[in-house]
Amino acid sequence: MKKNLLIAGGIISAVILLILILLPIIIKSLGFHPDYERTEYDLKGKKALVIATNHDTLGDSGRATGVYGSEINIPYYEFLDAGMTVDVASIEGGEIPFEPISLKYPLATNADNRYLKDKEAEEKTKNSIKIRDVDFTEYDIIYMAGGWGASYDLGYSEVLGEKLTKANADGILMGSVCHGALGFLKAKDVDGTPLVEGRQITAVSDKQVEELRITATPMHPETELRKLGADYQKNEAFRDFFATLVVVDGNIVTGQNQNSSGETAQTLLRLLDGKVD
């Protein structure tokens, strides 16, 4: 009897270990951080500005939050590997906090693991530039990462709105993923109307927010974008956490959620490469 229990325990332990090993493959097969078509670009001499949140706490829960790892790290390295100079900024400057679980197994991507070993990139997120001190018109790409923290500051920043308004007037390529699209809320088009009005835009869906039970955040991108008249677009899955979509409208490229980070960055690079040519 004892021997049988030991054998059964060994089998159960082996099965659990196998599941843990295969977990990244399983969730990827469901749509989490899917492979995306990559093109190598040579954009030396061009500059990208990556913007993220400073907010580190999820409401009154005390739970740590911030930018979602893949939403900042995948685009950062896509731009960097294309030869671009990449600066990192935030609303208040200083440290950019990370959603803790996004940098851990099994959710961390290759880009996240690369970041954890990259002292220069870590320095940029520990001592990010304050957006007030940045001239957005000096950049070729402006990209805003999401994460739950972004719902507390990106959409409320008048300074961010003003700087994006100027960048848009200059035709600069701008992009976002997930909650990063909240950064567009205060921006205006050249005629003074909301920048997102009438534009095809995607961001994290209300459905995904509800499915993850993070509804206490002050701004939900789908709701806020629709309020301003955006032509909000999304794809759905059995859980929107596994959906993805990238939308291009003029000089604005938006990705639905963390799964869209790579394709969003690659689309921005493709459009910039076309401008260079």
Protein backbone atom coordinates (compact mmCIF):
# COMPACT_ATOMS: atom_id res chain seq x y z
CA MET A 1 0.00 0.00 0.00
CA LYS A 2 2.78 2.37 0.98
CA LYS A 3 4.65 1.54 -2.21
CA ASN A 4 1.55 2.26 -4.31
CA LEU A 5 1.09 5.62 -2.60
CA LEU A 6 4.70 6.53 -3.31
CA ILE A 7 4.30 5.56 -6.97
CA ALA A 8 1.06 7.54 -7.25
CA GLY A 9 2.68 10.52 -5.57
CA GLY A 10 5.61 10.32 -7.97
CA ILE A 11 3.32 10.20 -10.98
CA ILE A 12 1.29 13.18 -9.75
CA SER A 13 4.47 15.17 -9.09
CA ALA A 14 5.77 14.34 -12.57
CA VAL A 15 2.49 15.42 -14.18
CA ILE A 16 2.48 18.71 -12.25
CA LEU A 17 6.10 19.36 -13.22
CA LEU A 18 5.32 18.62 -16.88
CA ILE A 19 2.36 21.02 -16.82
CA LEU A 20 4.53 23.75 -15.30
CA ILE A 21 7.18 23.21 -17.96
CA LEU A 22 4.61 23.27 -20.75
CA LEU A 23 2.59 26.18 -19.34
CA PRO A 24 4.20 28.90 -21.53
CA ILE A 25 3.53 26.77 -24.62
CA ILE A 26 -0.05 26.14 -23.54
CA ILE A 27 -0.95 29.78 -22.94
CA LYS A 28 0.84 30.82 -26.13
CA SER A 29 -1.24 28.33 -28.11
CA LEU A 30 -4.33 30.03 -26.67
CA GLY A 31 -3.16 33.40 -28.02
CA PHE A 32 -0.98 34.88 -25.27
CA HIS A 33 2.03 36.70 -26.73
CA PRO A 34 1.69 35.08 -30.15
CA ASP A 35 4.46 34.97 -32.72
CA TYR A 36 4.35 37.90 -35.13
CA GLU A 37 5.92 38.59 -38.48
CA ARG A 38 9.21 40.40 -38.04
CA THR A 39 11.26 42.40 -40.51
CA GLU A 40 14.76 43.66 -39.76
CA TYR A 41 15.04 47.42 -40.30
CA ASP A 42 18.04 49.72 -40.45
CA LEU A 43 16.87 53.02 -39.01
CA LYS A 44 20.09 54.37 -37.58
CA GLY A 45 19.85 58.08 -36.89
CA LYS A 46 16.14 57.85 -36.08
CA LYS A 47 14.72 58.31 -32.59
CA ALA A 48 11.91 56.69 -30.61
CA LEU A 49 10.34 57.88 -27.38
CA VAL A 50 8.76 55.24 -25.15
CA ILE A 51 6.35 56.55 -22.51
CA ALA A 52 5.00 54.68 -19.48
CA THR A 53 3.26 55.19 -16.16
CA ASN A 54 4.66 56.25 -12.79
CA HIS A 55 1.73 54.82 -10.84
CA ASP A 56 2.58 51.79 -8.71
CA THR A 57 -0.49 50.84 -6.67
CA LEU A 58 -3.80 49.35 -7.73
CA GLY A 59 -6.40 51.53 -6.03
CA ASP A 60 -6.95 50.96 -2.31
CA SER A 61 -5.94 47.31 -2.54
CA GLY A 62 -2.29 48.04 -1.88
CA ARG A 63 -1.42 45.65 -4.69
CA ALA A 64 1.67 46.61 -6.68
CA THR A 65 1.13 47.50 -10.33
CA GLY A 66 2.64 49.63 -13.08
CA VAL A 67 3.51 49.11 -16.72
CA TYR A 68 2.99 45.63 -18.15
CA GLY A 69 6.41 44.21 -19.00
CA SER A 70 5.89 43.09 -22.58
CA GLU A 71 4.08 46.32 -23.48
CA ILE A 72 7.21 48.35 -22.85
CA ASN A 73 9.99 45.81 -23.38
CA ILE A 74 8.98 44.29 -26.72
CA PRO A 75 8.60 47.69 -28.48
CA TYR A 76 11.72 49.05 -26.75
CA TYR A 77 13.88 46.27 -28.16
CA GLU A 78 12.17 46.32 -31.56
CA PHE A 79 13.10 50.01 -31.88
CA LEU A 80 16.58 49.49 -30.43
CA ASP A 81 17.36 46.53 -32.68
CA ALA A 82 16.34 48.62 -35.69
CA GLY A 83 19.24 50.92 -34.85
CA MET A 84 17.12 53.69 -33.35
CA THR A 85 18.05 55.80 -30.36
CA VAL A 86 15.41 55.00 -27.73
CA ASP A 87 14.58 57.31 -24.83
CA VAL A 88 12.22 56.39 -22.00
CA ALA A 89 9.92 58.93 -20.37
CA SER A 90 7.05 59.08 -17.89
CA ILE A 91 4.55 61.61 -16.64
CA GLU A 92 6.54 62.65 -13.58
CA GLY A 93 9.95 61.28 -14.50
CA GLY A 94 11.95 58.93 -12.31
CA GLU A 95 11.04 55.32 -11.68
CA ILE A 96 8.65 53.41 -13.91
CA PRO A 97 7.14 50.58 -11.85
CA PHE A 98 6.37 47.20 -13.43
CA GLU A 99 3.39 44.93 -12.95
CA PRO A 100 5.26 42.29 -10.92
CA ILE A 101 3.75 39.16 -12.46
CA SER A 102 4.50 40.38 -15.99
CA LEU A 103 8.23 39.83 -15.46
CA LYS A 104 7.83 36.35 -13.99
CA TYR A 105 7.36 32.83 -15.33
CA PRO A 106 5.23 31.87 -17.21
CA LEU A 107 4.12 35.35 -18.40
CA ALA A 108 7.53 36.89 -19.09
CA THR A 109 8.60 37.14 -22.74
CA ASN A 110 12.09 36.92 -24.23
CA ALA A 111 12.13 40.73 -24.25
CA ASP A 112 11.27 40.81 -20.54
CA ASN A 113 14.09 38.38 -19.74
CA ARG A 114 16.43 40.47 -21.87
CA TYR A 115 15.42 43.58 -19.92
CA LEU A 116 16.17 41.89 -16.60
CA LYS A 117 19.78 41.42 -17.72
CA ASP A 118 20.13 44.83 -19.39
CA LYS A 119 21.61 47.41 -17.02
CA GLU A 120 21.22 50.26 -19.52
CA ALA A 121 17.52 49.56 -20.05
CA GLU A 122 16.99 49.20 -16.31
CA GLU A 123 18.67 52.56 -15.75
CA LYS A 124 16.30 54.16 -18.27
CA THR A 125 13.24 52.87 -16.41
CA LYS A 126 14.65 53.71 -12.98
CA ASN A 127 15.45 57.27 -14.06
CA SER A 128 13.00 58.03 -16.84
CA ILE A 129 12.77 61.50 -18.34
CA LYS A 130 9.89 63.75 -17.27
CA ILE A 131 7.68 64.34 -20.30
CA ARG A 132 7.58 68.07 -19.56
CA ASP A 133 11.32 68.14 -20.33
CA VAL A 134 11.01 66.34 -23.68
CA ASP A 135 10.51 67.88 -27.12
CA PHE A 136 8.28 65.30 -28.77
CA THR A 137 8.88 66.81 -32.21
CA GLU A 138 12.49 65.60 -32.10
CA TYR A 139 11.33 61.99 -32.36
CA ASP A 140 10.29 59.84 -35.30
CA ILE A 141 8.15 57.46 -33.23
CA ILE A 142 6.27 58.14 -30.00
CA TYR A 143 4.96 55.03 -28.27
CA MET A 144 2.90 54.68 -25.09
CA ALA A 145 2.91 51.45 -23.11
CA GLY A 146 -0.02 50.32 -21.00
CA GLY A 147 -0.49 48.35 -17.83
CA TRP A 148 -3.00 49.03 -15.06
CA GLY A 149 -0.89 51.90 -13.74
CA ALA A 150 -1.47 53.88 -16.93
CA SER A 151 -5.15 54.27 -16.07
CA TYR A 152 -4.13 56.53 -13.17
CA ASP A 153 -1.95 59.06 -14.99
CA LEU A 154 -1.68 58.93 -18.80
CA GLY A 155 -5.25 60.00 -19.50
CA TYR A 156 -5.16 62.84 -16.98
CA SER A 157 -1.99 64.55 -18.19
CA GLU A 158 -2.57 67.90 -19.89
CA VAL A 159 1.15 68.09 -20.65
CA LEU A 160 1.08 64.76 -22.47
CA GLY A 161 -1.98 65.88 -24.41
CA GLU A 162 -0.34 69.14 -25.47
CA LYS A 163 2.85 67.44 -26.59
CA LEU A 164 1.00 64.76 -28.55
CA THR A 165 -1.08 67.51 -30.18
CA LYS A 166 2.11 69.15 -31.47
CA ALA A 167 3.60 65.84 -32.55
CA ASN A 168 0.45 64.97 -34.47
CA ALA A 169 0.49 68.36 -36.23
CA ASP A 170 4.00 67.47 -37.42
CA GLY A 171 2.80 64.11 -38.72
CA ILE A 172 4.97 62.13 -36.32
CA LEU A 173 4.15 58.44 -35.99
CA MET A 174 2.44 57.68 -32.68
CA GLY A 175 1.41 54.38 -31.17
CA SER A 176 0.11 52.68 -28.07
CA VAL A 177 -0.84 49.32 -26.65
CA CYS A 178 -3.59 48.47 -24.18
CA HIS A 179 -4.07 51.22 -21.53
CA GLY A 180 -1.42 53.28 -23.31
CA ALA A 181 -4.14 54.62 -25.61
CA LEU A 182 -5.42 56.67 -22.66
CA GLY A 183 -2.51 58.99 -23.38
CA PHE A 184 -4.37 60.23 -26.47
CA LEU A 185 -7.40 61.48 -24.50
CA LYS A 186 -6.18 65.05 -23.95
CA ALA A 187 -4.64 65.43 -27.41
CA LYS A 188 -6.26 67.53 -30.13
CA ASP A 189 -6.33 67.23 -33.90
CA VAL A 190 -5.25 70.16 -36.06
CA ASP A 191 -8.85 71.47 -36.12
CA GLY A 192 -9.12 71.48 -32.32
CA THR A 193 -11.35 68.41 -32.03
CA PRO A 194 -10.30 65.41 -29.92
CA LEU A 195 -7.48 63.58 -31.68
CA VAL A 196 -9.27 60.24 -31.43
CA GLU A 197 -12.62 61.53 -32.69
CA GLY A 198 -13.60 59.57 -35.78
CA ARG A 199 -10.33 57.64 -35.73
CA GLN A 200 -10.11 53.87 -35.76
CA ILE A 201 -8.45 53.07 -32.44
CA THR A 202 -8.01 49.93 -30.37
CA ALA A 203 -7.06 49.40 -26.74
CA VAL A 204 -7.87 46.92 -24.00
CA SER A 205 -11.56 46.04 -24.12
CA ASP A 206 -14.03 46.55 -21.29
CA LYS A 207 -14.65 42.81 -21.56
CA GLN A 208 -11.01 42.02 -20.77
CA VAL A 209 -11.01 44.44 -17.84
CA GLU A 210 -14.11 42.74 -16.45
CA GLU A 211 -12.77 39.24 -17.07
CA LEU A 212 -9.60 40.05 -15.13
CA ARG A 213 -11.71 41.68 -12.40
CA ILE A 214 -9.68 44.88 -12.41
CA THR A 215 -12.65 47.21 -12.67
CA ALA A 216 -11.65 49.59 -9.85
CA THR A 217 -9.21 51.50 -12.06
CA PRO A 218 -10.37 55.08 -12.76
CA MET A 219 -10.27 54.86 -16.57
CA HIS A 220 -11.24 52.04 -18.90
CA PRO A 221 -9.83 52.66 -22.40
CA GLU A 222 -12.75 51.35 -24.46
CA THR A 223 -15.24 53.44 -22.49
CA GLU A 224 -13.14 56.61 -22.55
CA LEU A 225 -12.28 56.37 -26.24
CA ARG A 226 -15.91 55.86 -27.20
CA LYS A 227 -16.90 58.91 -25.12
CA LEU A 228 -14.64 61.05 -27.32
CA GLY A 229 -16.11 59.65 -30.52
CA ALA A 230 -13.37 57.21 -31.44
CA ASP A 231 -14.25 54.40 -33.82
CA TYR A 232 -13.20 51.78 -31.28
CA GLN A 233 -12.14 48.43 -32.72
CA LYS A 234 -11.47 45.10 -31.00
CA ASN A 235 -11.18 41.38 -31.49
CA GLU A 236 -12.72 38.95 -29.04
CA ALA A 237 -11.70 35.53 -27.76
CA PHE A 238 -13.19 33.16 -25.20
CA ARG A 239 -11.20 35.43 -22.87
CA ASP A 240 -10.07 38.74 -24.38
CA PHE A 241 -6.77 38.26 -22.54
CA PHE A 242 -5.98 35.95 -25.47
CA ALA A 243 -7.24 38.26 -28.25
CA THR A 244 -5.11 40.64 -30.32
CA LEU A 245 -5.60 43.40 -32.88
CA VAL A 246 -3.50 46.15 -34.42
CA VAL A 247 -5.19 49.14 -36.06
CA VAL A 248 -3.63 51.81 -38.29
CA ASP A 249 -5.34 55.14 -38.87
CA GLY A 250 -3.08 57.70 -40.53
CA ASN A 251 -0.09 58.33 -38.30
CA ILE A 252 -1.58 56.48 -35.32
CA VAL A 253 -0.97 52.77 -34.69
CA THR A 254 -2.71 51.09 -31.76
CA GLY A 255 -2.63 47.58 -30.31
CA GLN A 256 -5.45 46.00 -28.32
CA ASN A 257 -3.46 44.51 -25.45
CA GLN A 258 -0.19 42.90 -24.38
CA ASN A 259 -0.47 40.35 -27.19
CA SER A 260 -0.30 43.18 -29.74
CA SER A 261 3.00 44.73 -28.58
CA GLY A 262 5.29 43.18 -31.18
CA GLU A 263 3.03 43.72 -34.16
CA THR A 264 2.35 47.31 -33.09
CA ALA A 265 6.08 48.08 -32.89
CA GLN A 266 6.78 46.35 -36.19
CA THR A 267 3.98 48.32 -37.86
CA LEU A 268 5.44 51.61 -36.60
CA LEU A 269 8.87 50.59 -37.92
CA ARG A 270 7.42 49.64 -41.30
CA LEU A 271 5.65 52.98 -41.62
CA LEU A 272 8.78 54.88 -40.59
CA ASP A 273 10.89 52.90 -43.03
CA GLY A 274 8.42 53.85 -45.75
CA LYS A 275 8.79 57.54 -44.87
CA VAL A 276 12.58 57.22 -45.01
CA ASP A 277 12.42 55.59 -48.44
